[in-house]
Amino acid sequence: MPKMKTHSRAKKTFKVTGSGKIKRAKAYKAHILTKKTAKRKKHLGKSALVHDSDTPRIKLLLNI
């Protein structure tokens, strides 16, 4: 049986922390930034964790 390939987009998008949780970037910071407040844009720049219910699906894509 051949090896499973890692999902190419997922390996660029998600990072695994030391404790095994998965980090992700926040959405809505690509365009139409003039109407968003500076505080909102600043908070969107920070990373977040993938929700517990979505973690198994992401781990499948990453072959973890």
C-alpha atoms as a PDB file:
ATOM      1  CA  MET A   1       0.000   0.000   0.000  1.00  0.00           C
ATOM      2  CA  PRO A   2       1.463   3.437  -0.915  1.00  0.00           C
ATOM      3  CA  LYS A   3       2.227   6.137   1.613  1.00  0.00           C
ATOM      4  CA  MET A   4      -0.469   8.705   2.358  1.00  0.00           C
ATOM      5  CA  LYS A   5       0.393  12.134   1.019  1.00  0.00           C
ATOM      6  CA  THR A   6       0.175  15.184   3.255  1.00  0.00           C
ATOM      7  CA  HIS A   7      -2.331  17.800   2.098  1.00  0.00           C
ATOM      8  CA  SER A   8      -0.120  20.528   0.596  1.00  0.00           C
ATOM      9  CA  ARG A   9      -2.317  23.480   1.557  1.00  0.00           C
ATOM     10  CA  ALA A  10      -2.768  22.192   5.118  1.00  0.00           C
ATOM     11  CA  LYS A  11       0.955  21.953   5.801  1.00  0.00           C
ATOM     12  CA  LYS A  12       1.342  25.615   4.782  1.00  0.00           C
ATOM     13  CA  THR A  13      -1.710  26.753   6.763  1.00  0.00           C
ATOM     14  CA  PHE A  14      -1.492  24.939  10.103  1.00  0.00           C
ATOM     15  CA  LYS A  15       1.312  24.503  12.631  1.00  0.00           C
ATOM     16  CA  VAL A  16       1.399  21.970  15.470  1.00  0.00           C
ATOM     17  CA  THR A  17       2.295  23.273  18.926  1.00  0.00           C
ATOM     18  CA  GLY A  18       4.507  21.423  21.379  1.00  0.00           C
ATOM     19  CA  SER A  19       1.485  20.102  23.268  1.00  0.00           C
ATOM     20  CA  GLY A  20      -0.084  18.743  20.051  1.00  0.00           C
ATOM     21  CA  LYS A  21      -2.695  21.449  19.502  1.00  0.00           C
ATOM     22  CA  ILE A  22      -3.016  23.031  16.053  1.00  0.00           C
ATOM     23  CA  LYS A  23      -2.507  26.752  15.400  1.00  0.00           C
ATOM     24  CA  ARG A  24      -4.281  28.625  12.617  1.00  0.00           C
ATOM     25  CA  ALA A  25      -4.434  32.161  11.272  1.00  0.00           C
ATOM     26  CA  LYS A  26      -7.557  34.240  11.677  1.00  0.00           C
ATOM     27  CA  ALA A  27      -9.725  35.109   8.674  1.00  0.00           C
ATOM     28  CA  TYR A  28     -10.932  38.502   7.344  1.00  0.00           C
ATOM     29  CA  LYS A  29      -7.570  40.269   7.128  1.00  0.00           C
ATOM     30  CA  ALA A  30      -6.960  40.035   3.375  1.00  0.00           C
ATOM     31  CA  HIS A  31      -8.845  43.002   1.872  1.00  0.00           C
ATOM     32  CA  ILE A  32     -11.413  45.754   2.569  1.00  0.00           C
ATOM     33  CA  LEU A  33      -9.324  46.866   5.534  1.00  0.00           C
ATOM     34  CA  THR A  34     -10.290  50.544   5.451  1.00  0.00           C
ATOM     35  CA  LYS A  35     -13.618  50.031   7.214  1.00  0.00           C
ATOM     36  CA  LYS A  36     -12.122  47.804   9.933  1.00  0.00           C
ATOM     37  CA  THR A  37     -10.803  49.468  13.069  1.00  0.00           C
ATOM     38  CA  ALA A  38      -7.114  49.371  13.969  1.00  0.00           C
ATOM     39  CA  LYS A  39      -7.918  47.305  17.057  1.00  0.00           C
ATOM     40  CA  ARG A  40      -9.809  44.732  15.004  1.00  0.00           C
ATOM     41  CA  LYS A  41      -7.013  44.443  12.429  1.00  0.00           C
ATOM     42  CA  LYS A  42      -4.429  44.101  15.202  1.00  0.00           C
ATOM     43  CA  HIS A  43      -6.328  41.228  16.799  1.00  0.00           C
ATOM     44  CA  LEU A  44      -6.873  39.511  13.439  1.00  0.00           C
ATOM     45  CA  GLY A  45      -3.104  39.364  12.965  1.00  0.00           C
ATOM     46  CA  LYS A  46      -2.650  37.061  15.948  1.00  0.00           C
ATOM     47  CA  SER A  47      -2.916  33.302  15.693  1.00  0.00           C
ATOM     48  CA  ALA A  48      -5.652  31.145  17.182  1.00  0.00           C
ATOM     49  CA  LEU A  49      -6.129  27.461  17.958  1.00  0.00           C
ATOM     50  CA  VAL A  50      -8.236  25.109  15.876  1.00  0.00           C
ATOM     51  CA  HIS A  51     -11.411  24.093  17.726  1.00  0.00           C
ATOM     52  CA  ASP A  52     -11.373  20.675  19.410  1.00  0.00           C
ATOM     53  CA  SER A  53     -14.152  19.358  17.156  1.00  0.00           C
ATOM     54  CA  ASP A  54     -12.169  20.224  13.999  1.00  0.00           C
ATOM     55  CA  THR A  55      -8.783  18.955  15.228  1.00  0.00           C
ATOM     56  CA  PRO A  56      -9.193  15.291  14.108  1.00  0.00           C
ATOM     57  CA  ARG A  57     -10.021  16.410  10.550  1.00  0.00           C
ATOM     58  CA  ILE A  58      -6.977  18.678  10.347  1.00  0.00           C
ATOM     59  CA  LYS A  59      -4.740  15.964  11.786  1.00  0.00           C
ATOM     60  CA  LEU A  60      -5.921  13.623   9.019  1.00  0.00           C
ATOM     61  CA  LEU A  61      -4.857  16.184   6.425  1.00  0.00           C
ATOM     62  CA  LEU A  62      -1.468  16.585   8.103  1.00  0.00           C
ATOM     63  CA  ASN A  63      -0.947  12.821   8.616  1.00  0.00           C
ATOM     64  CA  ILE A  64      -0.366  13.206  12.367  1.00  0.00           C
END
